[in-house]
């Protein structure tokens, strides 16, 4: 999922849906492999080495909420369908 979603987001194809899927995948990876179920210092990313998973999740969620860029394939496809 990470490889295909990352490539699709970089090219701008199905950006919103793939970014949302990648965000959920990375959030699951953080909670499953880095987040501790016990409350305390184990929940902080700097302690449990989950910085990249949590950062990726937030960035992908921002991309999903923001939408496509000017040079994306989604925008070209929408422009062609309107013409």
N, C-alpha and C. Protein backbone atom coordinates (compact mmCIF):
# COMPACT_ATOMS: atom_id res chain seq x y z
N UNK A 1 0.83 -1.19 0.00
CA UNK A 1 0.00 0.00 0.00
C UNK A 1 0.87 1.24 0.00
N UNK A 2 1.93 1.24 0.78
CA UNK A 2 2.77 2.44 0.87
C UNK A 2 3.45 2.76 -0.46
N UNK A 3 3.93 1.76 -1.16
CA UNK A 3 4.62 1.98 -2.43
C UNK A 3 3.65 2.49 -3.50
N UNK A 4 2.54 1.81 -3.67
CA UNK A 4 1.57 2.19 -4.68
C UNK A 4 0.92 3.52 -4.34
N UNK A 5 0.54 3.72 -3.08
CA UNK A 5 -0.09 4.97 -2.68
C UNK A 5 0.89 6.14 -2.79
N UNK A 6 2.12 5.93 -2.42
CA UNK A 6 3.12 6.99 -2.54
C UNK A 6 3.35 7.40 -3.98
N UNK A 7 3.40 6.42 -4.87
CA UNK A 7 3.58 6.71 -6.29
C UNK A 7 2.34 7.43 -6.86
N UNK A 8 1.16 6.98 -6.48
CA UNK A 8 -0.07 7.61 -6.96
C UNK A 8 -0.19 9.05 -6.45
N UNK A 9 0.19 9.29 -5.22
CA UNK A 9 0.13 10.64 -4.66
C UNK A 9 1.17 11.53 -5.34
N UNK A 10 2.35 11.00 -5.60
CA UNK A 10 3.39 11.79 -6.26
C UNK A 10 2.97 12.18 -7.67
N UNK A 11 2.28 11.30 -8.37
CA UNK A 11 1.82 11.61 -9.72
C UNK A 11 0.52 12.39 -9.72
N UNK A 12 -0.23 12.32 -8.64
CA UNK A 12 -1.48 13.05 -8.55
C UNK A 12 -2.66 12.26 -9.08
N UNK A 13 -2.59 10.96 -9.04
CA UNK A 13 -3.70 10.13 -9.50
C UNK A 13 -4.50 9.61 -8.32
N UNK A 14 -5.80 9.88 -8.32
CA UNK A 14 -6.69 9.50 -7.21
C UNK A 14 -6.11 9.97 -5.88
N UNK A 15 -5.67 11.21 -5.84
CA UNK A 15 -4.90 11.75 -4.73
C UNK A 15 -5.63 11.70 -3.40
N UNK A 16 -6.86 12.16 -3.39
CA UNK A 16 -7.58 12.26 -2.12
C UNK A 16 -7.80 10.88 -1.50
N UNK A 17 -8.23 9.93 -2.31
CA UNK A 17 -8.52 8.60 -1.78
C UNK A 17 -7.25 7.85 -1.39
N UNK A 18 -6.21 7.94 -2.20
CA UNK A 18 -4.98 7.23 -1.84
C UNK A 18 -4.29 7.87 -0.64
N UNK A 19 -4.36 9.18 -0.51
CA UNK A 19 -3.77 9.84 0.65
C UNK A 19 -4.54 9.47 1.92
N UNK A 20 -5.84 9.37 1.81
CA UNK A 20 -6.64 8.96 2.98
C UNK A 20 -6.33 7.52 3.37
N UNK A 21 -6.19 6.65 2.38
CA UNK A 21 -5.84 5.26 2.65
C UNK A 21 -4.44 5.14 3.26
N UNK A 22 -3.48 5.89 2.72
CA UNK A 22 -2.12 5.86 3.25
C UNK A 22 -2.07 6.44 4.66
N UNK A 23 -2.88 7.46 4.93
CA UNK A 23 -2.93 8.04 6.28
C UNK A 23 -3.44 7.01 7.29
N UNK A 24 -4.49 6.31 6.92
CA UNK A 24 -5.01 5.27 7.81
C UNK A 24 -4.03 4.14 8.02
N UNK A 25 -3.33 3.76 6.97
CA UNK A 25 -2.33 2.69 7.07
C UNK A 25 -1.20 3.08 8.02
N UNK A 26 -0.72 4.32 7.89
CA UNK A 26 0.37 4.77 8.76
C UNK A 26 -0.11 4.97 10.20
N UNK A 27 -1.35 5.41 10.38
CA UNK A 27 -1.88 5.52 11.74
C UNK A 27 -1.99 4.14 12.38
N UNK A 28 -2.41 3.15 11.60
CA UNK A 28 -2.46 1.78 12.11
C UNK A 28 -1.06 1.28 12.45
N UNK A 29 -0.08 1.57 11.58
CA UNK A 29 1.29 1.15 11.84
C UNK A 29 1.82 1.78 13.12
N UNK A 30 1.48 3.04 13.35
CA UNK A 30 1.94 3.70 14.57
C UNK A 30 1.33 3.06 15.80
N UNK A 31 0.01 2.87 15.78
CA UNK A 31 -0.64 2.31 16.97
C UNK A 31 -0.29 0.85 17.18
N UNK A 32 -0.07 0.11 16.09
CA UNK A 32 0.21 -1.32 16.22
C UNK A 32 1.64 -1.60 16.64
N UNK A 33 2.59 -0.90 16.05
CA UNK A 33 3.99 -1.26 16.27
C UNK A 33 4.75 -0.28 17.15
N UNK A 34 4.27 0.95 17.28
CA UNK A 34 5.01 1.93 18.06
C UNK A 34 4.25 2.38 19.31
N UNK A 35 2.96 2.56 19.20
CA UNK A 35 2.18 3.04 20.33
C UNK A 35 2.02 1.97 21.39
N UNK A 36 2.23 2.33 22.58
CA UNK A 36 2.05 1.40 23.68
C UNK A 36 0.64 1.58 24.24
N UNK A 37 0.04 0.49 24.64
CA UNK A 37 -1.31 0.58 25.19
C UNK A 37 -1.32 1.15 26.60
N UNK A 38 -0.21 1.06 27.29
CA UNK A 38 -0.13 1.62 28.64
C UNK A 38 0.03 3.13 28.55
N UNK A 39 -0.65 3.82 29.44
CA UNK A 39 -0.53 5.27 29.45
C UNK A 39 0.80 5.67 30.07
N UNK A 40 1.29 6.81 29.64
CA UNK A 40 2.55 7.30 30.17
C UNK A 40 3.50 7.71 29.07
N UNK A 41 4.78 7.59 29.32
CA UNK A 41 5.79 8.06 28.39
C UNK A 41 5.84 7.22 27.11
N UNK A 42 5.29 6.02 27.12
CA UNK A 42 5.32 5.16 25.95
C UNK A 42 4.48 5.66 24.80
N UNK A 43 3.59 6.63 25.03
CA UNK A 43 2.74 7.15 23.96
C UNK A 43 3.42 8.22 23.13
N UNK A 44 4.48 8.80 23.60
CA UNK A 44 5.15 9.88 22.89
C UNK A 44 6.02 9.33 21.77
N UNK A 45 5.93 9.92 20.56
CA UNK A 45 6.70 9.40 19.43
C UNK A 45 8.21 9.44 19.63
N UNK A 46 8.71 10.42 20.36
CA UNK A 46 10.15 10.51 20.57
C UNK A 46 10.66 9.37 21.44
N UNK A 47 9.80 8.82 22.27
CA UNK A 47 10.20 7.73 23.16
C UNK A 47 10.08 6.38 22.46
N UNK A 48 9.01 6.18 21.69
CA UNK A 48 8.78 4.86 21.11
C UNK A 48 9.25 4.73 19.66
N UNK A 49 10.02 5.71 19.16
CA UNK A 49 10.62 5.69 17.82
C UNK A 49 9.59 5.63 16.70
N UNK A 50 8.45 6.27 16.89
CA UNK A 50 7.40 6.25 15.88
C UNK A 50 7.21 7.58 15.18
N UNK A 51 8.26 8.41 15.15
CA UNK A 51 8.13 9.75 14.56
C UNK A 51 7.74 9.70 13.09
N UNK A 52 8.41 8.87 12.31
CA UNK A 52 8.15 8.84 10.87
C UNK A 52 6.76 8.30 10.55
N UNK A 53 6.30 7.31 11.28
CA UNK A 53 4.96 6.77 11.03
C UNK A 53 3.90 7.81 11.36
N UNK A 54 4.05 8.49 12.47
CA UNK A 54 3.07 9.50 12.87
C UNK A 54 3.13 10.71 11.95
N UNK A 55 4.32 11.14 11.57
CA UNK A 55 4.46 12.27 10.65
C UNK A 55 3.88 11.93 9.28
N UNK A 56 4.13 10.74 8.79
CA UNK A 56 3.56 10.32 7.51
C UNK A 56 2.04 10.30 7.56
N UNK A 57 1.49 9.81 8.65
CA UNK A 57 0.05 9.77 8.80
C UNK A 57 -0.56 11.17 8.74
N UNK A 58 0.05 12.11 9.44
CA UNK A 58 -0.47 13.48 9.46
C UNK A 58 -0.30 14.16 8.11
N UNK A 59 0.83 13.96 7.46
CA UNK A 59 1.06 14.58 6.15
C UNK A 59 0.09 14.02 5.11
N UNK A 60 -0.11 12.72 5.11
CA UNK A 60 -1.06 12.13 4.17
C UNK A 60 -2.48 12.61 4.44
N UNK A 61 -2.84 12.78 5.71
CA UNK A 61 -4.16 13.31 6.03
C UNK A 61 -4.31 14.75 5.57
N UNK A 62 -3.26 15.55 5.70
CA UNK A 62 -3.30 16.92 5.18
C UNK A 62 -3.45 16.94 3.66
N UNK A 63 -2.77 16.05 2.97
CA UNK A 63 -2.91 15.97 1.52
C UNK A 63 -4.32 15.55 1.15
N UNK A 64 -4.89 14.61 1.89
CA UNK A 64 -6.25 14.16 1.61
C UNK A 64 -7.26 15.29 1.83
N UNK A 65 -7.05 16.10 2.85
CA UNK A 65 -7.98 17.21 3.12
C UNK A 65 -7.77 18.37 2.16
N UNK A 66 -6.55 18.60 1.76
CA UNK A 66 -6.23 19.74 0.88
C UNK A 66 -6.66 19.48 -0.56
N UNK A 67 -6.50 18.28 -1.03
CA UNK A 67 -6.90 17.96 -2.39
C UNK A 67 -5.73 17.93 -3.35
N UNK A 68 -6.05 18.00 -4.62
CA UNK A 68 -5.04 17.84 -5.66
C UNK A 68 -4.30 19.15 -5.93
N UNK A 69 -3.14 19.01 -6.56
CA UNK A 69 -2.35 20.18 -6.93
C UNK A 69 -2.63 20.62 -8.35
N UNK A 70 -1.94 21.66 -8.77
CA UNK A 70 -2.17 22.22 -10.10
C UNK A 70 -1.72 21.30 -11.23
N UNK A 71 -0.66 20.54 -11.01
CA UNK A 71 -0.09 19.70 -12.07
C UNK A 71 -0.45 18.23 -11.92
N UNK A 72 -1.49 17.91 -11.20
CA UNK A 72 -1.81 16.51 -10.94
C UNK A 72 -2.59 15.89 -12.10
N UNK A 73 -2.55 14.58 -12.15
CA UNK A 73 -3.31 13.85 -13.16
C UNK A 73 -4.81 13.98 -12.94
N UNK A 74 -5.23 14.08 -11.69
CA UNK A 74 -6.65 14.26 -11.39
C UNK A 74 -7.20 15.55 -11.99
N UNK A 75 -6.44 16.62 -11.90
CA UNK A 75 -6.89 17.90 -12.45
C UNK A 75 -6.94 17.85 -13.98
N UNK A 76 -5.96 17.19 -14.59
CA UNK A 76 -5.97 17.05 -16.06
C UNK A 76 -7.17 16.22 -16.51
N UNK A 77 -7.43 15.14 -15.77
CA UNK A 77 -8.55 14.28 -16.12
C UNK A 77 -9.88 15.03 -15.98
N UNK A 78 -10.02 15.86 -14.96
CA UNK A 78 -11.23 16.64 -14.77
C UNK A 78 -11.39 17.69 -15.87
N UNK A 79 -10.28 18.29 -16.29
CA UNK A 79 -10.34 19.30 -17.34
C UNK A 79 -10.71 18.67 -18.68
N UNK A 80 -10.22 17.47 -18.96
CA UNK A 80 -10.56 16.79 -20.20
C UNK A 80 -12.01 16.35 -20.23
N UNK A 81 -12.55 15.96 -19.08
CA UNK A 81 -13.94 15.52 -19.04
C UNK A 81 -14.91 16.69 -19.20
N UNK A 82 -14.47 17.90 -18.85
CA UNK A 82 -15.32 19.08 -18.99
C UNK A 82 -15.27 19.65 -20.39
N UNK A 83 -14.23 19.33 -21.14
CA UNK A 83 -14.08 19.89 -22.50
C UNK A 83 -14.86 19.12 -23.53
